[in-house]
Amino acid sequence: RCRMCSIAGLLPAEEELSTEQVYRVID
């Protein structure tokens, strides 16, 4: 939890992209 960072915990883990979604972005 770094003093200058606002990203940590910004959105819950259940909203993350799935592996397959990341693969599609890579494609």
mmCIF file of all heavy atoms, coordinates in Angstrom:
data_MODEL
# 
_entry.id   MODEL 
# 
loop_
_atom_site.group_PDB 
_atom_site.id 
_atom_site.type_symbol 
_atom_site.label_atom_id 
_atom_site.label_alt_id 
_atom_site.label_comp_id 
_atom_site.label_asym_id 
_atom_site.label_entity_id 
_atom_site.label_seq_id 
_atom_site.pdbx_PDB_ins_code 
_atom_site.Cartn_x 
_atom_site.Cartn_y 
_atom_site.Cartn_z 
_atom_site.occupancy 
_atom_site.B_iso_or_equiv 
_atom_site.pdbx_formal_charge 
_atom_site.auth_seq_id 
_atom_site.auth_comp_id 
_atom_site.auth_asym_id 
_atom_site.auth_atom_id 
_atom_site.pdbx_PDB_model_num 
ATOM 1   N N   . ARG A 1 1  ? 0.862   -1.177  0.000   1.00 0.00 ? 1  ARG A N   1 
ATOM 2   C CA  . ARG A 1 1  ? 0.000   0.000   0.000   1.00 0.00 ? 1  ARG A CA  1 
ATOM 3   C C   . ARG A 1 1  ? 0.902   1.232   0.000   1.00 0.00 ? 1  ARG A C   1 
ATOM 4   O O   . ARG A 1 1  ? 1.163   1.853   1.023   1.00 0.00 ? 1  ARG A O   1 
ATOM 5   C CB  . ARG A 1 1  ? -0.936  0.011   1.223   1.00 0.00 ? 1  ARG A CB  1 
ATOM 6   C CG  . ARG A 1 1  ? -2.034  -1.032  1.166   1.00 0.00 ? 1  ARG A CG  1 
ATOM 7   C CD  . ARG A 1 1  ? -2.993  -0.796  0.006   1.00 0.00 ? 1  ARG A CD  1 
ATOM 8   N NE  . ARG A 1 1  ? -4.082  -1.769  -0.036  1.00 0.00 ? 1  ARG A NE  1 
ATOM 9   C CZ  . ARG A 1 1  ? -4.030  -2.906  -0.722  1.00 0.00 ? 1  ARG A CZ  1 
ATOM 10  N NH1 . ARG A 1 1  ? -2.927  -3.214  -1.387  1.00 0.00 ? 1  ARG A NH1 1 
ATOM 11  N NH2 . ARG A 1 1  ? -5.065  -3.715  -0.735  1.00 0.00 ? 1  ARG A NH2 1 
ATOM 12  N N   . CYS A 1 2  ? 1.405   1.577   -1.178  1.00 0.00 ? 2  CYS A N   1 
ATOM 13  C CA  . CYS A 1 2  ? 2.377   2.661   -1.297  1.00 0.00 ? 2  CYS A CA  1 
ATOM 14  C C   . CYS A 1 2  ? 1.704   4.021   -1.128  1.00 0.00 ? 2  CYS A C   1 
ATOM 15  O O   . CYS A 1 2  ? 0.568   4.220   -1.559  1.00 0.00 ? 2  CYS A O   1 
ATOM 16  C CB  . CYS A 1 2  ? 3.075   2.585   -2.655  1.00 0.00 ? 2  CYS A CB  1 
ATOM 17  S SG  . CYS A 1 2  ? 3.916   1.005   -2.927  1.00 0.00 ? 2  CYS A SG  1 
ATOM 18  N N   . ARG A 1 3  ? 2.414   4.945   -0.504  1.00 0.00 ? 3  ARG A N   1 
ATOM 19  C CA  . ARG A 1 3  ? 1.863   6.251   -0.161  1.00 0.00 ? 3  ARG A CA  1 
ATOM 20  C C   . ARG A 1 3  ? 1.402   7.046   -1.375  1.00 0.00 ? 3  ARG A C   1 
ATOM 21  O O   . ARG A 1 3  ? 0.465   7.845   -1.280  1.00 0.00 ? 3  ARG A O   1 
ATOM 22  C CB  . ARG A 1 3  ? 2.914   7.073   0.595   1.00 0.00 ? 3  ARG A CB  1 
ATOM 23  C CG  . ARG A 1 3  ? 3.232   6.557   1.989   1.00 0.00 ? 3  ARG A CG  1 
ATOM 24  C CD  . ARG A 1 3  ? 4.378   7.351   2.604   1.00 0.00 ? 3  ARG A CD  1 
ATOM 25  N NE  . ARG A 1 3  ? 4.718   6.857   3.927   1.00 0.00 ? 3  ARG A NE  1 
ATOM 26  C CZ  . ARG A 1 3  ? 4.297   7.379   5.074   1.00 0.00 ? 3  ARG A CZ  1 
ATOM 27  N NH1 . ARG A 1 3  ? 3.492   8.438   5.038   1.00 0.00 ? 3  ARG A NH1 1 
ATOM 28  N NH2 . ARG A 1 3  ? 4.657   6.875   6.225   1.00 0.00 ? 3  ARG A NH2 1 
ATOM 29  N N   . MET A 1 4  ? 2.068   6.868   -2.529  1.00 0.00 ? 4  MET A N   1 
ATOM 30  C CA  . MET A 1 4  ? 1.788   7.708   -3.692  1.00 0.00 ? 4  MET A CA  1 
ATOM 31  C C   . MET A 1 4  ? 0.917   7.013   -4.725  1.00 0.00 ? 4  MET A C   1 
ATOM 32  O O   . MET A 1 4  ? 0.724   7.523   -5.827  1.00 0.00 ? 4  MET A O   1 
ATOM 33  C CB  . MET A 1 4  ? 3.102   8.157   -4.359  1.00 0.00 ? 4  MET A CB  1 
ATOM 34  C CG  . MET A 1 4  ? 3.950   7.041   -4.938  1.00 0.00 ? 4  MET A CG  1 
ATOM 35  S SD  . MET A 1 4  ? 4.599   5.909   -3.684  1.00 0.00 ? 4  MET A SD  1 
ATOM 36  C CE  . MET A 1 4  ? 5.685   4.872   -4.643  1.00 0.00 ? 4  MET A CE  1 
ATOM 37  N N   . CYS A 1 5  ? 0.370   5.852   -4.394  1.00 0.00 ? 5  CYS A N   1 
ATOM 38  C CA  . CYS A 1 5  ? -0.384  5.052   -5.369  1.00 0.00 ? 5  CYS A CA  1 
ATOM 39  C C   . CYS A 1 5  ? -1.864  4.995   -5.019  1.00 0.00 ? 5  CYS A C   1 
ATOM 40  O O   . CYS A 1 5  ? -2.234  4.742   -3.871  1.00 0.00 ? 5  CYS A O   1 
ATOM 41  C CB  . CYS A 1 5  ? 0.186   3.635   -5.435  1.00 0.00 ? 5  CYS A CB  1 
ATOM 42  S SG  . CYS A 1 5  ? -0.663  2.563   -6.614  1.00 0.00 ? 5  CYS A SG  1 
ATOM 43  N N   . SER A 1 6  ? -2.699  5.180   -6.041  1.00 0.00 ? 6  SER A N   1 
ATOM 44  C CA  . SER A 1 6  ? -4.158  5.114   -5.858  1.00 0.00 ? 6  SER A CA  1 
ATOM 45  C C   . SER A 1 6  ? -4.771  3.871   -6.497  1.00 0.00 ? 6  SER A C   1 
ATOM 46  O O   . SER A 1 6  ? -5.986  3.702   -6.493  1.00 0.00 ? 6  SER A O   1 
ATOM 47  C CB  . SER A 1 6  ? -4.810  6.358   -6.476  1.00 0.00 ? 6  SER A CB  1 
ATOM 48  O OG  . SER A 1 6  ? -4.285  7.534   -5.933  1.00 0.00 ? 6  SER A OG  1 
ATOM 49  N N   . ILE A 1 7  ? -3.929  3.001   -7.058  1.00 0.00 ? 7  ILE A N   1 
ATOM 50  C CA  . ILE A 1 7  ? -4.442  1.882   -7.846  1.00 0.00 ? 7  ILE A CA  1 
ATOM 51  C C   . ILE A 1 7  ? -4.833  0.687   -6.986  1.00 0.00 ? 7  ILE A C   1 
ATOM 52  O O   . ILE A 1 7  ? -5.846  0.026   -7.247  1.00 0.00 ? 7  ILE A O   1 
ATOM 53  C CB  . ILE A 1 7  ? -3.404  1.460   -8.909  1.00 0.00 ? 7  ILE A CB  1 
ATOM 54  C CG1 . ILE A 1 7  ? -3.286  2.555   -9.972  1.00 0.00 ? 7  ILE A CG1 1 
ATOM 55  C CG2 . ILE A 1 7  ? -3.781  0.133   -9.541  1.00 0.00 ? 7  ILE A CG2 1 
ATOM 56  C CD1 . ILE A 1 7  ? -2.236  2.286   -11.024 1.00 0.00 ? 7  ILE A CD1 1 
ATOM 57  N N   . ALA A 1 8  ? -4.036  0.391   -5.965  1.00 0.00 ? 8  ALA A N   1 
ATOM 58  C CA  . ALA A 1 8  ? -4.265  -0.810  -5.162  1.00 0.00 ? 8  ALA A CA  1 
ATOM 59  C C   . ALA A 1 8  ? -5.689  -0.853  -4.607  1.00 0.00 ? 8  ALA A C   1 
ATOM 60  O O   . ALA A 1 8  ? -6.144  0.075   -3.953  1.00 0.00 ? 8  ALA A O   1 
ATOM 61  C CB  . ALA A 1 8  ? -3.262  -0.872  -4.018  1.00 0.00 ? 8  ALA A CB  1 
ATOM 62  N N   . GLY A 1 9  ? -6.396  -1.923  -4.934  1.00 0.00 ? 9  GLY A N   1 
ATOM 63  C CA  . GLY A 1 9  ? -7.754  -2.105  -4.443  1.00 0.00 ? 9  GLY A CA  1 
ATOM 64  C C   . GLY A 1 9  ? -8.794  -1.237  -5.120  1.00 0.00 ? 9  GLY A C   1 
ATOM 65  O O   . GLY A 1 9  ? -9.924  -1.133  -4.638  1.00 0.00 ? 9  GLY A O   1 
ATOM 66  N N   . LEU A 1 10 ? -8.422  -0.637  -6.257  1.00 0.00 ? 10 LEU A N   1 
ATOM 67  C CA  . LEU A 1 10 ? -9.337  0.271   -6.946  1.00 0.00 ? 10 LEU A CA  1 
ATOM 68  C C   . LEU A 1 10 ? -10.627 -0.425  -7.353  1.00 0.00 ? 10 LEU A C   1 
ATOM 69  O O   . LEU A 1 10 ? -11.724 0.136   -7.225  1.00 0.00 ? 10 LEU A O   1 
ATOM 70  C CB  . LEU A 1 10 ? -8.638  0.850   -8.188  1.00 0.00 ? 10 LEU A CB  1 
ATOM 71  C CG  . LEU A 1 10 ? -9.373  1.942   -8.962  1.00 0.00 ? 10 LEU A CG  1 
ATOM 72  C CD1 . LEU A 1 10 ? -9.539  3.190   -8.102  1.00 0.00 ? 10 LEU A CD1 1 
ATOM 73  C CD2 . LEU A 1 10 ? -8.608  2.283   -10.237 1.00 0.00 ? 10 LEU A CD2 1 
ATOM 74  N N   . LEU A 1 11 ? -10.509 -1.673  -7.861  1.00 0.00 ? 11 LEU A N   1 
ATOM 75  C CA  . LEU A 1 11 ? -11.673 -2.481  -8.219  1.00 0.00 ? 11 LEU A CA  1 
ATOM 76  C C   . LEU A 1 11 ? -11.493 -3.876  -7.640  1.00 0.00 ? 11 LEU A C   1 
ATOM 77  O O   . LEU A 1 11 ? -10.365 -4.350  -7.486  1.00 0.00 ? 11 LEU A O   1 
ATOM 78  C CB  . LEU A 1 11 ? -11.837 -2.565  -9.742  1.00 0.00 ? 11 LEU A CB  1 
ATOM 79  C CG  . LEU A 1 11 ? -12.259 -1.276  -10.466 1.00 0.00 ? 11 LEU A CG  1 
ATOM 80  C CD1 . LEU A 1 11 ? -12.256 -1.498  -11.967 1.00 0.00 ? 11 LEU A CD1 1 
ATOM 81  C CD2 . LEU A 1 11 ? -13.628 -0.814  -10.002 1.00 0.00 ? 11 LEU A CD2 1 
ATOM 82  N N   . PRO A 1 12 ? -12.569 -4.578  -7.322  1.00 0.00 ? 12 PRO A N   1 
ATOM 83  C CA  . PRO A 1 12 ? -12.465 -5.912  -6.721  1.00 0.00 ? 12 PRO A CA  1 
ATOM 84  C C   . PRO A 1 12 ? -11.930 -6.956  -7.702  1.00 0.00 ? 12 PRO A C   1 
ATOM 85  O O   . PRO A 1 12 ? -12.045 -6.797  -8.923  1.00 0.00 ? 12 PRO A O   1 
ATOM 86  C CB  . PRO A 1 12 ? -13.906 -6.227  -6.317  1.00 0.00 ? 12 PRO A CB  1 
ATOM 87  C CG  . PRO A 1 12 ? -14.757 -5.380  -7.197  1.00 0.00 ? 12 PRO A CG  1 
ATOM 88  C CD  . PRO A 1 12 ? -13.972 -4.126  -7.435  1.00 0.00 ? 12 PRO A CD  1 
ATOM 89  N N   . ALA A 1 13 ? -11.346 -8.017  -7.164  1.00 0.00 ? 13 ALA A N   1 
ATOM 90  C CA  . ALA A 1 13 ? -10.728 -9.065  -7.976  1.00 0.00 ? 13 ALA A CA  1 
ATOM 91  C C   . ALA A 1 13 ? -11.717 -9.720  -8.936  1.00 0.00 ? 13 ALA A C   1 
ATOM 92  O O   . ALA A 1 13 ? -11.345 -10.148 -10.028 1.00 0.00 ? 13 ALA A O   1 
ATOM 93  C CB  . ALA A 1 13 ? -10.091 -10.113 -7.069  1.00 0.00 ? 13 ALA A CB  1 
ATOM 94  N N   . GLU A 1 14 ? -12.988 -9.788  -8.534  1.00 0.00 ? 14 GLU A N   1 
ATOM 95  C CA  . GLU A 1 14 ? -13.974 -10.453 -9.391  1.00 0.00 ? 14 GLU A CA  1 
ATOM 96  C C   . GLU A 1 14 ? -14.256 -9.698  -10.682 1.00 0.00 ? 14 GLU A C   1 
ATOM 97  O O   . GLU A 1 14 ? -14.905 -10.221 -11.587 1.00 0.00 ? 14 GLU A O   1 
ATOM 98  C CB  . GLU A 1 14 ? -15.275 -10.693 -8.628  1.00 0.00 ? 14 GLU A CB  1 
ATOM 99  C CG  . GLU A 1 14 ? -15.903 -9.467  -8.013  1.00 0.00 ? 14 GLU A CG  1 
ATOM 100 C CD  . GLU A 1 14 ? -15.515 -9.272  -6.571  1.00 0.00 ? 14 GLU A CD  1 
ATOM 101 O OE1 . GLU A 1 14 ? -14.422 -9.751  -6.172  1.00 0.00 ? 14 GLU A OE1 1 
ATOM 102 O OE2 . GLU A 1 14 ? -16.294 -8.647  -5.833  1.00 0.00 ? 14 GLU A OE2 1 
ATOM 103 N N   . GLU A 1 15 ? -13.773 -8.469  -10.801 1.00 0.00 ? 15 GLU A N   1 
ATOM 104 C CA  . GLU A 1 15 ? -13.966 -7.703  -12.033 1.00 0.00 ? 15 GLU A CA  1 
ATOM 105 C C   . GLU A 1 15 ? -12.806 -7.857  -13.013 1.00 0.00 ? 15 GLU A C   1 
ATOM 106 O O   . GLU A 1 15 ? -12.844 -7.334  -14.127 1.00 0.00 ? 15 GLU A O   1 
ATOM 107 C CB  . GLU A 1 15 ? -14.160 -6.216  -11.712 1.00 0.00 ? 15 GLU A CB  1 
ATOM 108 C CG  . GLU A 1 15 ? -15.464 -5.924  -10.993 1.00 0.00 ? 15 GLU A CG  1 
ATOM 109 C CD  . GLU A 1 15 ? -15.823 -4.451  -11.022 1.00 0.00 ? 15 GLU A CD  1 
ATOM 110 O OE1 . GLU A 1 15 ? -15.251 -3.712  -11.840 1.00 0.00 ? 15 GLU A OE1 1 
ATOM 111 O OE2 . GLU A 1 15 ? -16.687 -4.041  -10.227 1.00 0.00 ? 15 GLU A OE2 1 
ATOM 112 N N   . GLU A 1 16 ? -11.760 -8.566  -12.614 1.00 0.00 ? 16 GLU A N   1 
ATOM 113 C CA  . GLU A 1 16 ? -10.591 -8.719  -13.482 1.00 0.00 ? 16 GLU A CA  1 
ATOM 114 C C   . GLU A 1 16 ? -10.938 -9.458  -14.769 1.00 0.00 ? 16 GLU A C   1 
ATOM 115 O O   . GLU A 1 16 ? -11.868 -10.271 -14.823 1.00 0.00 ? 16 GLU A O   1 
ATOM 116 C CB  . GLU A 1 16 ? -9.502  -9.507  -12.745 1.00 0.00 ? 16 GLU A CB  1 
ATOM 117 C CG  . GLU A 1 16 ? -8.896  -8.772  -11.575 1.00 0.00 ? 16 GLU A CG  1 
ATOM 118 C CD  . GLU A 1 16 ? -7.916  -9.625  -10.790 1.00 0.00 ? 16 GLU A CD  1 
ATOM 119 O OE1 . GLU A 1 16 ? -7.575  -10.742 -11.260 1.00 0.00 ? 16 GLU A OE1 1 
ATOM 120 O OE2 . GLU A 1 16 ? -7.509  -9.170  -9.711  1.00 0.00 ? 16 GLU A OE2 1 
ATOM 121 N N   . LEU A 1 17 ? -10.152 -9.201  -15.807 1.00 0.00 ? 17 LEU A N   1 
ATOM 122 C CA  . LEU A 1 17 ? -10.311 -9.919  -17.061 1.00 0.00 ? 17 LEU A CA  1 
ATOM 123 C C   . LEU A 1 17 ? -9.895  -11.372 -16.873 1.00 0.00 ? 17 LEU A C   1 
ATOM 124 O O   . LEU A 1 17 ? -8.932  -11.672 -16.169 1.00 0.00 ? 17 LEU A O   1 
ATOM 125 C CB  . LEU A 1 17 ? -9.462  -9.278  -18.158 1.00 0.00 ? 17 LEU A CB  1 
ATOM 126 C CG  . LEU A 1 17 ? -9.732  -7.807  -18.482 1.00 0.00 ? 17 LEU A CG  1 
ATOM 127 C CD1 . LEU A 1 17 ? -8.796  -7.332  -19.585 1.00 0.00 ? 17 LEU A CD1 1 
ATOM 128 C CD2 . LEU A 1 17 ? -11.184 -7.589  -18.876 1.00 0.00 ? 17 LEU A CD2 1 
ATOM 129 N N   . SER A 1 18 ? -10.605 -12.280 -17.519 1.00 0.00 ? 18 SER A N   1 
ATOM 130 C CA  . SER A 1 18 ? -10.243 -13.691 -17.464 1.00 0.00 ? 18 SER A CA  1 
ATOM 131 C C   . SER A 1 18 ? -9.007  -13.935 -18.333 1.00 0.00 ? 18 SER A C   1 
ATOM 132 O O   . SER A 1 18 ? -8.613  -13.086 -19.146 1.00 0.00 ? 18 SER A O   1 
ATOM 133 C CB  . SER A 1 18 ? -11.398 -14.555 -17.987 1.00 0.00 ? 18 SER A CB  1 
ATOM 134 O OG  . SER A 1 18 ? -11.585 -14.329 -19.383 1.00 0.00 ? 18 SER A OG  1 
ATOM 135 N N   . THR A 1 19 ? -8.409  -15.109 -18.172 1.00 0.00 ? 19 THR A N   1 
ATOM 136 C CA  . THR A 1 19 ? -7.259  -15.477 -18.998 1.00 0.00 ? 19 THR A CA  1 
ATOM 137 C C   . THR A 1 19 ? -7.624  -15.418 -20.474 1.00 0.00 ? 19 THR A C   1 
ATOM 138 O O   . THR A 1 19 ? -6.867  -14.896 -21.299 1.00 0.00 ? 19 THR A O   1 
ATOM 139 C CB  . THR A 1 19 ? -6.778  -16.896 -18.644 1.00 0.00 ? 19 THR A CB  1 
ATOM 140 O OG1 . THR A 1 19 ? -6.567  -16.998 -17.241 1.00 0.00 ? 19 THR A OG1 1 
ATOM 141 C CG2 . THR A 1 19 ? -5.499  -17.229 -19.386 1.00 0.00 ? 19 THR A CG2 1 
ATOM 142 N N   . GLU A 1 20 ? -8.781  -15.948 -20.816 1.00 0.00 ? 20 GLU A N   1 
ATOM 143 C CA  . GLU A 1 20 ? -9.218  -15.981 -22.221 1.00 0.00 ? 20 GLU A CA  1 
ATOM 144 C C   . GLU A 1 20 ? -9.424  -14.573 -22.769 1.00 0.00 ? 20 GLU A C   1 
ATOM 145 O O   . GLU A 1 20 ? -9.104  -14.303 -23.942 1.00 0.00 ? 20 GLU A O   1 
ATOM 146 C CB  . GLU A 1 20 ? -10.507 -16.793 -22.343 1.00 0.00 ? 20 GLU A CB  1 
ATOM 147 C CG  . GLU A 1 20 ? -10.347 -18.282 -22.110 1.00 0.00 ? 20 GLU A CG  1 
ATOM 148 C CD  . GLU A 1 20 ? -10.060 -18.641 -20.654 1.00 0.00 ? 20 GLU A CD  1 
ATOM 149 O OE1 . GLU A 1 20 ? -10.453 -17.850 -19.753 1.00 0.00 ? 20 GLU A OE1 1 
ATOM 150 O OE2 . GLU A 1 20 ? -9.436  -19.696 -20.420 1.00 0.00 ? 20 GLU A OE2 1 
ATOM 151 N N   . GLN A 1 21 ? -9.925  -13.660 -21.940 1.00 0.00 ? 21 GLN A N   1 
ATOM 152 C CA  . GLN A 1 21 ? -10.087 -12.282 -22.390 1.00 0.00 ? 21 GLN A CA  1 
ATOM 153 C C   . GLN A 1 21 ? -8.736  -11.625 -22.653 1.00 0.00 ? 21 GLN A C   1 
ATOM 154 O O   . GLN A 1 21 ? -8.571  -10.891 -23.635 1.00 0.00 ? 21 GLN A O   1 
ATOM 155 C CB  . GLN A 1 21 ? -10.862 -11.473 -21.345 1.00 0.00 ? 21 GLN A CB  1 
ATOM 156 C CG  . GLN A 1 21 ? -12.359 -11.766 -21.322 1.00 0.00 ? 21 GLN A CG  1 
ATOM 157 C CD  . GLN A 1 21 ? -13.054 -10.961 -20.235 1.00 0.00 ? 21 GLN A CD  1 
ATOM 158 O OE1 . GLN A 1 21 ? -12.714 -11.063 -19.058 1.00 0.00 ? 21 GLN A OE1 1 
ATOM 159 N NE2 . GLN A 1 21 ? -14.032 -10.150 -20.632 1.00 0.00 ? 21 GLN A NE2 1 
ATOM 160 N N   . VAL A 1 22 ? -7.767  -11.905 -21.782 1.00 0.00 ? 22 VAL A N   1 
ATOM 161 C CA  . VAL A 1 22 ? -6.425  -11.366 -21.994 1.00 0.00 ? 22 VAL A CA  1 
ATOM 162 C C   . VAL A 1 22 ? -5.828  -11.933 -23.281 1.00 0.00 ? 22 VAL A C   1 
ATOM 163 O O   . VAL A 1 22 ? -5.189  -11.208 -24.060 1.00 0.00 ? 22 VAL A O   1 
ATOM 164 C CB  . VAL A 1 22 ? -5.516  -11.665 -20.787 1.00 0.00 ? 22 VAL A CB  1 
ATOM 165 C CG1 . VAL A 1 22 ? -4.089  -11.185 -21.059 1.00 0.00 ? 22 VAL A CG1 1 
ATOM 166 C CG2 . VAL A 1 22 ? -6.051  -10.995 -19.529 1.00 0.00 ? 22 VAL A CG2 1 
ATOM 167 N N   . TYR A 1 23 ? -6.049  -13.220 -23.527 1.00 0.00 ? 23 TYR A N   1 
ATOM 168 C CA  . TYR A 1 23 ? -5.564  -13.820 -24.777 1.00 0.00 ? 23 TYR A CA  1 
ATOM 169 C C   . TYR A 1 23 ? -6.146  -13.106 -25.994 1.00 0.00 ? 23 TYR A C   1 
ATOM 170 O O   . TYR A 1 23 ? -5.447  -12.873 -26.989 1.00 0.00 ? 23 TYR A O   1 
ATOM 171 C CB  . TYR A 1 23 ? -5.955  -15.304 -24.838 1.00 0.00 ? 23 TYR A CB  1 
ATOM 172 C CG  . TYR A 1 23 ? -5.191  -16.225 -23.923 1.00 0.00 ? 23 TYR A CG  1 
ATOM 173 C CD1 . TYR A 1 23 ? -5.580  -17.558 -23.774 1.00 0.00 ? 23 TYR A CD1 1 
ATOM 174 C CD2 . TYR A 1 23 ? -4.079  -15.787 -23.202 1.00 0.00 ? 23 TYR A CD2 1 
ATOM 175 C CE1 . TYR A 1 23 ? -4.895  -18.428 -22.942 1.00 0.00 ? 23 TYR A CE1 1 
ATOM 176 C CE2 . TYR A 1 23 ? -3.394  -16.647 -22.363 1.00 0.00 ? 23 TYR A CE2 1 
ATOM 177 C CZ  . TYR A 1 23 ? -3.805  -17.964 -22.240 1.00 0.00 ? 23 TYR A CZ  1 
ATOM 178 O OH  . TYR A 1 23 ? -3.126  -18.830 -21.417 1.00 0.00 ? 23 TYR A OH  1 
ATOM 179 N N   . ARG A 1 24 ? -7.426  -12.767 -25.934 1.00 0.00 ? 24 ARG A N   1 
ATOM 180 C CA  . ARG A 1 24 ? -8.053  -12.079 -27.066 1.00 0.00 ? 24 ARG A CA  1 
ATOM 181 C C   . ARG A 1 24 ? -7.436  -10.697 -27.285 1.00 0.00 ? 24 ARG A C   1 
ATOM 182 O O   . ARG A 1 24 ? -7.249  -10.272 -28.425 1.00 0.00 ? 24 ARG A O   1 
ATOM 183 C CB  . ARG A 1 24 ? -9.565  -11.963 -26.849 1.00 0.00 ? 24 ARG A CB  1 
ATOM 184 C CG  . ARG A 1 24 ? -10.307 -13.290 -26.966 1.00 0.00 ? 24 ARG A CG  1 
ATOM 185 C CD  . ARG A 1 24 ? -11.790 -13.080 -27.273 1.00 0.00 ? 24 ARG A CD  1 
ATOM 186 N NE  . ARG A 1 24 ? -12.486 -12.366 -26.215 1.00 0.00 ? 24 ARG A NE  1 
ATOM 187 C CZ  . ARG A 1 24 ? -13.035 -12.947 -25.150 1.00 0.00 ? 24 ARG A CZ  1 
ATOM 188 N NH1 . ARG A 1 24 ? -12.947 -14.277 -25.012 1.00 0.00 ? 24 ARG A NH1 1 
ATOM 189 N NH2 . ARG A 1 24 ? -13.677 -12.234 -24.249 1.00 0.00 ? 24 ARG A NH2 1 
ATOM 190 N N   . VAL A 1 25 ? -7.119  -10.018 -26.183 1.00 0.00 ? 25 VAL A N   1 
ATOM 191 C CA  . VAL A 1 25 ? -6.442  -8.721  -26.314 1.00 0.00 ? 25 VAL A CA  1 
ATOM 192 C C   . VAL A 1 25 ? -5.069  -8.912  -26.973 1.00 0.00 ? 25 VAL A C   1 
ATOM 193 O O   . VAL A 1 25 ? -4.672  -8.131  -27.842 1.00 0.00 ? 25 VAL A O   1 
ATOM 194 C CB  . VAL A 1 25 ? -6.282  -8.039  -24.940 1.00 0.00 ? 25 VAL A CB  1 
ATOM 195 C CG1 . VAL A 1 25 ? -5.459  -6.758  -25.071 1.00 0.00 ? 25 VAL A CG1 1 
ATOM 196 C CG2 . VAL A 1 25 ? -7.644  -7.714  -24.330 1.00 0.00 ? 25 VAL A CG2 1 
ATOM 197 N N   . ILE A 1 26 ? -4.366  -9.955  -26.575 1.00 0.00 ? 26 ILE A N   1 
ATOM 198 C CA  . ILE A 1 26 ? -3.055  -10.248 -27.161 1.00 0.00 ? 26 ILE A CA  1 
ATOM 199 C C   . ILE A 1 26 ? -3.186  -10.533 -28.652 1.00 0.00 ? 26 ILE A C   1 
ATOM 200 O O   . ILE A 1 26 ? -2.392  -10.053 -29.472 1.00 0.00 ? 26 ILE A O   1 
ATOM 201 C CB  . ILE A 1 26 ? -2.391  -11.428 -26.436 1.00 0.00 ? 26 ILE A CB  1 
ATOM 202 C CG1 . ILE A 1 26 ? -2.008  -11.014 -25.010 1.00 0.00 ? 26 ILE A CG1 1 
ATOM 203 C CG2 . ILE A 1 26 ? -1.161  -11.925 -27.191 1.00 0.00 ? 26 ILE A CG2 1 
ATOM 204 C CD1 . ILE A 1 26 ? -1.569  -12.152 -24.123 1.00 0.00 ? 26 ILE A CD1 1 
ATOM 205 N N   . ASP A 1 27 ? -4.188  -11.316 -29.026 1.00 0.00 ? 27 ASP A N   1 
ATOM 206 C CA  . ASP A 1 27 ? -4.439  -11.586 -30.449 1.00 0.00 ? 27 ASP A CA  1 
ATOM 207 C C   . ASP A 1 27 ? -4.650  -10.280 -31.214 1.00 0.00 ? 27 ASP A C   1 
ATOM 208 O O   . ASP A 1 27 ? -4.114  -10.092 -32.314 1.00 0.00 ? 27 ASP A O   1 
ATOM 209 C CB  . ASP A 1 27 ? -5.664  -12.483 -30.610 1.00 0.00 ? 27 ASP A CB  1 
ATOM 210 C CG  . ASP A 1 27 ? -5.415  -13.927 -30.189 1.00 0.00 ? 27 ASP A CG  1 
ATOM 211 O OD1 . ASP A 1 27 ? -4.241  -14.341 -30.191 1.00 0.00 ? 27 ASP A OD1 1 
ATOM 212 O OD2 . ASP A 1 27 ? -6.397  -14.626 -29.871 1.00 0.00 ? 27 ASP A OD2 1 
# 
